[in-house]
């Protein structure tokens, strides 16, 4: 539920729930680390704010290098594909 429509004074039919198919544009600010602003259209005037995590959670745990799918030194792209993209960079279409 959006932060603006969370108070109990707001009627249930006026509350805005988060549905990813309902919104097209999302904005995140490092100033407000646990919130995103969702918009129905790019730069629309109606901007409900949603919390990303539960207020009791203090910190997001990032995976350690050994837990990651690909270590930082490895690239999950075949060498031939890297060579092809380098050729495209030299000869743009």
C-alpha atoms as a PDB file:
ATOM      1  CA  UNK A   1       0.000   0.000   0.000  1.00  0.00           C
ATOM      2  CA  UNK A   2       1.274   3.479  -0.794  1.00  0.00           C
ATOM      3  CA  UNK A   3       2.579   5.698   1.987  1.00  0.00           C
ATOM      4  CA  UNK A   4       0.125   8.469   1.035  1.00  0.00           C
ATOM      5  CA  UNK A   5      -2.942   6.223   1.350  1.00  0.00           C
ATOM      6  CA  UNK A   6      -1.801   4.244   4.397  1.00  0.00           C
ATOM      7  CA  UNK A   7      -3.585   6.326   7.112  1.00  0.00           C
ATOM      8  CA  UNK A   8      -6.835   4.908   8.462  1.00  0.00           C
ATOM      9  CA  UNK A   9      -8.738   8.083   7.534  1.00  0.00           C
ATOM     10  CA  UNK A  10      -8.433   7.179   3.832  1.00  0.00           C
ATOM     11  CA  UNK A  11     -11.378   5.015   2.678  1.00  0.00           C
ATOM     12  CA  UNK A  12     -10.522   1.496   1.507  1.00  0.00           C
ATOM     13  CA  UNK A  13     -11.626   2.158  -2.087  1.00  0.00           C
ATOM     14  CA  UNK A  14      -9.218   5.138  -2.322  1.00  0.00           C
ATOM     15  CA  UNK A  15      -6.138   3.181  -1.172  1.00  0.00           C
ATOM     16  CA  UNK A  16      -3.426   2.480  -3.777  1.00  0.00           C
ATOM     17  CA  UNK A  17      -1.864  -0.992  -3.729  1.00  0.00           C
ATOM     18  CA  UNK A  18       1.364  -1.896  -5.501  1.00  0.00           C
ATOM     19  CA  UNK A  19       0.780  -3.823  -8.733  1.00  0.00           C
ATOM     20  CA  UNK A  20       3.691  -3.969 -11.166  1.00  0.00           C
ATOM     21  CA  UNK A  21       1.353  -4.080 -14.182  1.00  0.00           C
ATOM     22  CA  UNK A  22      -0.378  -0.887 -13.019  1.00  0.00           C
ATOM     23  CA  UNK A  23       2.753   1.279 -13.119  1.00  0.00           C
ATOM     24  CA  UNK A  24       5.123   2.002 -16.012  1.00  0.00           C
ATOM     25  CA  UNK A  25       7.793   4.254 -14.489  1.00  0.00           C
ATOM     26  CA  UNK A  26       9.675   3.774 -11.216  1.00  0.00           C
ATOM     27  CA  UNK A  27      12.046   6.213  -9.523  1.00  0.00           C
ATOM     28  CA  UNK A  28      14.456   5.474  -6.690  1.00  0.00           C
ATOM     29  CA  UNK A  29      16.421   7.991  -4.675  1.00  0.00           C
ATOM     30  CA  UNK A  30      19.366   7.216  -2.426  1.00  0.00           C
ATOM     31  CA  UNK A  31      18.039   9.958  -0.154  1.00  0.00           C
ATOM     32  CA  UNK A  32      15.048   7.735   0.728  1.00  0.00           C
ATOM     33  CA  UNK A  33      16.698   4.316   0.645  1.00  0.00           C
ATOM     34  CA  UNK A  34      13.687   2.134   1.366  1.00  0.00           C
ATOM     35  CA  UNK A  35      11.161   3.793  -0.951  1.00  0.00           C
ATOM     36  CA  UNK A  36      10.301   3.967  -4.628  1.00  0.00           C
ATOM     37  CA  UNK A  37       8.010   6.367  -6.455  1.00  0.00           C
ATOM     38  CA  UNK A  38       5.758   4.680  -9.012  1.00  0.00           C
ATOM     39  CA  UNK A  39       4.046   6.410 -11.919  1.00  0.00           C
ATOM     40  CA  UNK A  40       1.355   5.234 -14.307  1.00  0.00           C
ATOM     41  CA  UNK A  41       3.099   7.100 -17.132  1.00  0.00           C
ATOM     42  CA  UNK A  42       6.570   8.592 -17.491  1.00  0.00           C
ATOM     43  CA  UNK A  43       6.700  11.828 -15.481  1.00  0.00           C
ATOM     44  CA  UNK A  44       3.004  11.658 -14.562  1.00  0.00           C
ATOM     45  CA  UNK A  45       1.721  13.963 -11.841  1.00  0.00           C
ATOM     46  CA  UNK A  46       0.234  11.225  -9.645  1.00  0.00           C
ATOM     47  CA  UNK A  47       3.151   9.613  -7.805  1.00  0.00           C
ATOM     48  CA  UNK A  48       2.377   7.119  -5.044  1.00  0.00           C
ATOM     49  CA  UNK A  49       5.324   6.151  -2.837  1.00  0.00           C
ATOM     50  CA  UNK A  50       5.897   2.518  -1.779  1.00  0.00           C
ATOM     51  CA  UNK A  51       8.199   0.969   0.801  1.00  0.00           C
ATOM     52  CA  UNK A  52      10.669  -1.597  -0.544  1.00  0.00           C
ATOM     53  CA  UNK A  53      11.224  -3.411   2.719  1.00  0.00           C
ATOM     54  CA  UNK A  54       9.799  -3.935   6.148  1.00  0.00           C
ATOM     55  CA  UNK A  55      10.669  -1.092   8.552  1.00  0.00           C
ATOM     56  CA  UNK A  56      12.133  -3.569  11.074  1.00  0.00           C
ATOM     57  CA  UNK A  57      14.852  -4.708   8.661  1.00  0.00           C
ATOM     58  CA  UNK A  58      17.910  -2.542   9.228  1.00  0.00           C
ATOM     59  CA  UNK A  59      20.192  -3.519   6.352  1.00  0.00           C
ATOM     60  CA  UNK A  60      20.028  -5.359   3.048  1.00  0.00           C
ATOM     61  CA  UNK A  61      22.590  -8.168   2.941  1.00  0.00           C
ATOM     62  CA  UNK A  62      24.521  -8.340  -0.308  1.00  0.00           C
ATOM     63  CA  UNK A  63      25.889 -11.728  -1.418  1.00  0.00           C
ATOM     64  CA  UNK A  64      29.548 -12.435  -0.872  1.00  0.00           C
ATOM     65  CA  UNK A  65      31.723 -13.207  -3.880  1.00  0.00           C
ATOM     66  CA  UNK A  66      31.651 -16.967  -3.233  1.00  0.00           C
ATOM     67  CA  UNK A  67      27.836 -16.883  -3.114  1.00  0.00           C
ATOM     68  CA  UNK A  68      27.480 -15.023  -6.411  1.00  0.00           C
ATOM     69  CA  UNK A  69      26.453 -16.839  -9.578  1.00  0.00           C
ATOM     70  CA  UNK A  70      29.588 -15.577 -11.347  1.00  0.00           C
ATOM     71  CA  UNK A  71      32.727 -14.483  -9.483  1.00  0.00           C
ATOM     72  CA  UNK A  72      33.801 -10.893 -10.119  1.00  0.00           C
ATOM     73  CA  UNK A  73      36.808 -11.987 -12.183  1.00  0.00           C
ATOM     74  CA  UNK A  74      34.734 -14.230 -14.493  1.00  0.00           C
ATOM     75  CA  UNK A  75      32.539 -13.014 -17.336  1.00  0.00           C
ATOM     76  CA  UNK A  76      29.542 -15.202 -18.333  1.00  0.00           C
ATOM     77  CA  UNK A  77      30.025 -14.424 -22.044  1.00  0.00           C
ATOM     78  CA  UNK A  78      31.866 -16.633 -24.509  1.00  0.00           C
ATOM     79  CA  UNK A  79      35.134 -15.187 -25.876  1.00  0.00           C
ATOM     80  CA  UNK A  80      33.778 -15.371 -29.450  1.00  0.00           C
ATOM     81  CA  UNK A  81      30.821 -13.160 -28.481  1.00  0.00           C
ATOM     82  CA  UNK A  82      33.150 -10.601 -26.868  1.00  0.00           C
ATOM     83  CA  UNK A  83      35.235 -10.562 -30.066  1.00  0.00           C
ATOM     84  CA  UNK A  84      32.098  -9.974 -32.185  1.00  0.00           C
ATOM     85  CA  UNK A  85      30.999  -7.032 -30.027  1.00  0.00           C
ATOM     86  CA  UNK A  86      34.468  -5.491 -30.261  1.00  0.00           C
ATOM     87  CA  UNK A  87      34.243  -5.685 -34.083  1.00  0.00           C
ATOM     88  CA  UNK A  88      30.810  -3.995 -33.963  1.00  0.00           C
ATOM     89  CA  UNK A  89      32.284  -1.186 -31.861  1.00  0.00           C
ATOM     90  CA  UNK A  90      34.956  -0.533 -34.498  1.00  0.00           C
ATOM     91  CA  UNK A  91      32.554  -0.719 -37.469  1.00  0.00           C
ATOM     92  CA  UNK A  92      29.204   0.798 -36.399  1.00  0.00           C
ATOM     93  CA  UNK A  93      26.162   0.057 -38.539  1.00  0.00           C
END
